[in-house]
């Protein structure tokens, strides 16, 4: 074999190798591109999964919050229903060794103007004083009286006549769960300030577990909502 032939054969071999290297490089580039694309997709999927997981966790927390709120709401409704037949009377003069049943009967007849035979016909399940938890220093207020009626209609008779003692510093209100009593007291303080500062009439309404302070200018005016307290939220 001549030198030229040897060179030609070597050149052919080199070109063959170069062709294979080029093909391998091309395939390697393709694999690298596919792998890069796959990695990008995986990263994108991971980001999406994390986003979905975060959204799911947020939704779970909201559901848990809603569930807890619903449980508190149901519990409050149950407690409110248990007190449905009760009234609280504030401001009746307190005497030592008093007969609470006689005190209540006299109040119904003398202060509310209910006929004696009718007042005595109300079957009461219970009645007693509730000791004040935080008496005012230097001022002894009469303990409130809680009265539980056997019949809701009898209670309503009393509530319908409650306005008759408004000027005697005596209040008759529905018995409510503690958290609702606190809300009512807050609204009562706000109402007192409104009456003094703005010379408006006020009233507090209980709607489910929501307490509403309403105001109006006079009896010819409509009641307007001034402040609302939801006792669960």
Protein backbone atom coordinates (compact mmCIF):
# COMPACT_ATOMS: atom_id res chain seq x y z
CA UNK A 1 0.00 0.00 0.00
CA UNK A 2 1.36 3.32 -1.02
CA UNK A 3 1.66 6.24 1.27
CA UNK A 4 -1.23 8.01 -0.47
CA UNK A 5 -3.48 5.03 -0.02
CA UNK A 6 -2.56 4.81 3.66
CA UNK A 7 -3.32 8.47 4.13
CA UNK A 8 -6.63 8.07 2.34
CA UNK A 9 -7.56 5.11 4.55
CA UNK A 10 -6.57 7.04 7.67
CA UNK A 11 -8.56 10.03 6.50
CA UNK A 12 -11.58 7.79 5.93
CA UNK A 13 -11.24 6.31 9.39
CA UNK A 14 -10.91 9.75 10.98
CA UNK A 15 -13.95 11.02 9.08
CA UNK A 16 -15.92 7.98 10.20
CA UNK A 17 -14.94 8.58 13.78
CA UNK A 18 -15.76 12.28 13.44
CA UNK A 19 -19.17 11.41 12.03
CA UNK A 20 -19.87 9.07 14.93
CA UNK A 21 -18.69 11.70 17.42
CA UNK A 22 -20.93 14.29 15.75
CA UNK A 23 -23.89 11.89 15.92
CA UNK A 24 -23.15 11.04 19.55
CA UNK A 25 -22.83 14.73 20.39
CA UNK A 26 -26.12 15.44 18.66
CA UNK A 27 -27.82 12.65 20.58
CA UNK A 28 -26.22 13.83 23.81
CA UNK A 29 -27.47 17.38 23.15
CA UNK A 30 -30.95 15.99 22.50
CA UNK A 31 -30.87 13.97 25.73
CA UNK A 32 -29.61 17.03 27.60
CA UNK A 33 -32.41 19.16 26.15
CA UNK A 34 -34.99 16.54 27.04
CA UNK A 35 -33.57 16.23 30.53
CA UNK A 36 -33.54 20.03 30.94
CA UNK A 37 -37.14 20.19 29.75
CA UNK A 38 -38.08 17.37 32.11
CA UNK A 39 -36.36 19.09 35.04
CA UNK A 40 -38.17 22.33 34.19
CA UNK A 41 -41.50 20.50 34.11
CA UNK A 42 -40.75 18.77 37.40
CA UNK A 43 -39.81 22.09 39.01
CA UNK A 44 -42.99 23.65 37.66
CA UNK A 45 -45.00 20.72 38.98
CA UNK A 46 -43.32 21.05 42.37
CA UNK A 47 -44.17 24.76 42.48
CA UNK A 48 -47.77 23.97 41.52
CA UNK A 49 -48.01 21.20 44.10
CA UNK A 50 -46.67 23.54 46.77
CA UNK A 51 -49.16 26.19 45.71
CA UNK A 52 -52.00 23.67 45.74
CA UNK A 53 -50.87 22.39 49.13
CA UNK A 54 -50.76 25.92 50.53
CA UNK A 55 -54.24 26.59 49.14
CA UNK A 56 -55.49 23.32 50.60
CA UNK A 57 -53.98 24.12 53.99
CA UNK A 58 -55.63 27.55 53.90
CA UNK A 59 -58.96 25.97 53.02
CA UNK A 60 -58.56 23.37 55.78
CA UNK A 61 -57.80 26.12 58.32
CA UNK A 62 -60.85 28.06 57.16
CA UNK A 63 -63.03 24.95 57.41
CA UNK A 64 -61.65 24.27 60.89
CA UNK A 65 -62.35 27.87 61.90
CA UNK A 66 -65.86 27.69 60.44
CA UNK A 67 -66.46 24.38 62.21
CA UNK A 68 -65.30 25.75 65.57
CA UNK A 69 -67.41 28.86 65.07
CA UNK A 70 -70.43 26.74 64.21
CA UNK A 71 -69.90 24.63 67.34
CA UNK A 72 -69.69 27.77 69.51
CA UNK A 73 -72.78 29.15 67.79
CA UNK A 74 -74.75 25.95 68.39
CA UNK A 75 -73.62 25.82 72.01
CA UNK A 76 -74.66 29.44 72.49
CA UNK A 77 -78.05 28.80 70.91
CA UNK A 78 -78.59 25.81 73.23
CA UNK A 79 -77.65 27.82 76.32
CA UNK A 80 -79.85 30.71 75.19
CA UNK A 81 -82.75 28.30 74.68
CA UNK A 82 -82.25 26.84 78.17
CA UNK A 83 -82.67 30.37 79.58
CA UNK A 84 -85.70 31.14 77.41
CA UNK A 85 -88.12 30.96 80.35
CA UNK A 86 -85.99 33.17 82.62
CA UNK A 87 -86.09 36.88 83.34
CA UNK A 88 -83.69 39.04 85.33
CA UNK A 89 -84.99 41.89 87.46
CA UNK A 90 -82.52 44.58 88.51
CA UNK A 91 -83.10 47.30 91.09
CA UNK A 92 -85.71 45.82 93.45
CA UNK A 93 -84.96 46.86 97.01
CA UNK A 94 -83.36 44.05 98.99
CA UNK A 95 -84.23 43.24 102.60
CA UNK A 96 -82.75 40.79 105.04
CA UNK A 97 -84.75 37.58 105.51
CA UNK A 98 -87.09 38.54 102.67
CA UNK A 99 -89.55 36.07 101.17
CA UNK A 100 -88.49 36.11 97.52
CA UNK A 101 -91.81 34.70 96.31
CA UNK A 102 -93.70 37.48 98.05
CA UNK A 103 -91.24 40.06 96.70
CA UNK A 104 -91.83 38.84 93.15
CA UNK A 105 -95.63 38.69 93.53
CA UNK A 106 -95.75 42.20 95.01
CA UNK A 107 -93.57 43.50 92.19
CA UNK A 108 -95.84 41.99 89.54
CA UNK A 109 -98.96 43.47 91.15
CA UNK A 110 -97.83 46.83 92.56
CA UNK A 111 -95.16 47.86 90.06
CA UNK A 112 -96.31 46.22 86.85
CA UNK A 113 -100.02 46.62 87.50
CA UNK A 114 -100.90 42.98 86.87
CA UNK A 115 -104.08 41.80 88.56
CA UNK A 116 -103.33 39.91 91.77
CA UNK A 117 -105.23 36.75 90.85
CA UNK A 118 -103.41 36.64 87.52
CA UNK A 119 -99.99 37.24 89.04
CA UNK A 120 -100.58 34.52 91.62
CA UNK A 121 -101.66 32.13 88.87
CA UNK A 122 -98.25 32.24 87.18
CA UNK A 123 -96.58 28.89 87.98
CA UNK A 124 -92.95 29.77 88.71
CA UNK A 125 -90.28 27.10 88.57
CA UNK A 126 -87.77 29.09 90.60
CA UNK A 127 -86.88 32.54 91.89
CA UNK A 128 -83.86 33.78 93.84
CA UNK A 129 -81.33 36.58 94.18
CA UNK A 130 -78.05 36.42 92.27
CA UNK A 131 -75.14 37.78 94.35
CA UNK A 132 -73.22 40.53 92.59
CA UNK A 133 -69.81 39.39 91.40
CA UNK A 134 -68.22 42.83 91.48
CA UNK A 135 -70.07 45.23 93.80
CA UNK A 136 -69.26 48.92 93.48
CA UNK A 137 -67.00 50.10 96.31
CA UNK A 138 -69.00 52.13 98.82
CA UNK A 139 -72.28 51.39 97.07
CA UNK A 140 -74.38 48.31 97.72
CA UNK A 141 -76.75 47.65 94.86
CA UNK A 142 -79.62 45.20 95.27
CA UNK A 143 -78.76 41.78 93.92
CA UNK A 144 -80.62 40.89 90.75
CA UNK A 145 -83.56 38.49 90.94
CA UNK A 146 -83.80 35.65 88.47
CA UNK A 147 -87.27 34.22 87.86
CA UNK A 148 -87.96 31.08 85.85
CA UNK A 149 -91.49 30.64 84.50
CA UNK A 150 -93.15 27.34 83.70
CA UNK A 151 -94.94 28.86 80.70
CA UNK A 152 -93.36 31.15 78.14
CA UNK A 153 -96.63 33.06 77.67
CA UNK A 154 -96.57 34.11 81.34
CA UNK A 155 -93.05 35.42 80.91
CA UNK A 156 -94.17 37.46 77.90
CA UNK A 157 -96.90 39.10 79.99
CA UNK A 158 -94.20 40.39 82.34
CA UNK A 159 -91.91 41.52 79.51
CA UNK A 160 -94.76 43.43 77.87
CA UNK A 161 -95.25 45.42 81.08
CA UNK A 162 -91.55 46.03 81.75
CA UNK A 163 -91.75 49.59 80.41
CA UNK A 164 -93.84 50.59 83.44
CA UNK A 165 -90.81 50.53 85.75
CA UNK A 166 -88.35 52.23 83.39
CA UNK A 167 -88.47 55.44 85.44
CA UNK A 168 -87.99 53.63 88.76
CA UNK A 169 -84.43 52.51 88.01
CA UNK A 170 -85.73 48.96 87.74
CA UNK A 171 -84.92 46.85 84.69
CA UNK A 172 -86.50 43.63 83.47
CA UNK A 173 -84.51 41.79 80.80
CA UNK A 174 -84.24 38.35 79.27
CA UNK A 175 -81.76 36.03 80.92
CA UNK A 176 -78.93 35.36 78.47
CA UNK A 177 -75.66 33.40 78.36
CA UNK A 178 -72.78 35.22 80.05
CA UNK A 179 -71.10 36.35 76.83
CA UNK A 180 -74.39 37.82 75.61
CA UNK A 181 -74.99 39.54 78.95
CA UNK A 182 -71.58 41.19 78.67
CA UNK A 183 -72.40 42.34 75.14
CA UNK A 184 -75.75 43.70 76.32
CA UNK A 185 -74.03 45.58 79.16
CA UNK A 186 -71.59 47.13 76.67
CA UNK A 187 -74.48 48.24 74.47
CA UNK A 188 -76.36 49.55 77.52
CA UNK A 189 -73.40 51.80 78.39
CA UNK A 190 -73.26 53.05 74.81
CA UNK A 191 -77.03 53.62 74.86
CA UNK A 192 -76.78 55.64 78.08
CA UNK A 193 -74.17 57.93 76.52
CA UNK A 194 -76.25 58.35 73.36
CA UNK A 195 -79.33 59.30 75.37
CA UNK A 196 -77.37 61.90 77.33
CA UNK A 197 -75.25 63.33 74.50
CA UNK A 198 -77.55 63.05 71.49
CA UNK A 199 -80.96 63.08 73.19
CA UNK A 200 -82.09 60.03 71.22
CA UNK A 201 -84.29 57.14 72.28
CA UNK A 202 -82.53 53.78 72.43
CA UNK A 203 -83.37 50.11 72.64
CA UNK A 204 -81.42 46.86 72.55
CA UNK A 205 -82.78 43.95 70.53
CA UNK A 206 -81.66 40.33 70.71
CA UNK A 207 -81.75 38.55 67.36
CA UNK A 208 -80.49 35.02 67.67
CA UNK A 209 -76.96 35.41 69.00
CA UNK A 210 -76.64 38.97 67.71
CA UNK A 211 -77.39 42.03 69.85
CA UNK A 212 -78.38 45.27 68.15
CA UNK A 213 -78.44 48.79 69.56
CA UNK A 214 -81.07 50.90 67.81
CA UNK A 215 -81.84 54.60 68.10
CA UNK A 216 -84.56 57.00 67.02
CA UNK A 217 -85.44 60.64 67.54
CA UNK A 218 -88.97 60.10 68.87
CA UNK A 219 -91.93 57.73 68.70
CA UNK A 220 -92.80 58.95 65.20
CA UNK A 221 -89.35 58.09 63.89
CA UNK A 222 -88.18 54.66 62.68
CA UNK A 223 -85.58 52.68 64.60
CA UNK A 224 -82.09 52.77 63.07
CA UNK A 225 -79.29 50.31 63.78
CA UNK A 226 -76.47 52.03 65.64
CA UNK A 227 -74.24 49.15 66.73
CA UNK A 228 -74.24 45.38 66.32
CA UNK A 229 -72.41 42.72 68.33
CA UNK A 230 -72.14 39.12 67.12
CA UNK A 231 -71.44 37.03 70.22
CA UNK A 232 -69.59 34.28 68.33
CA UNK A 233 -67.32 36.15 65.93
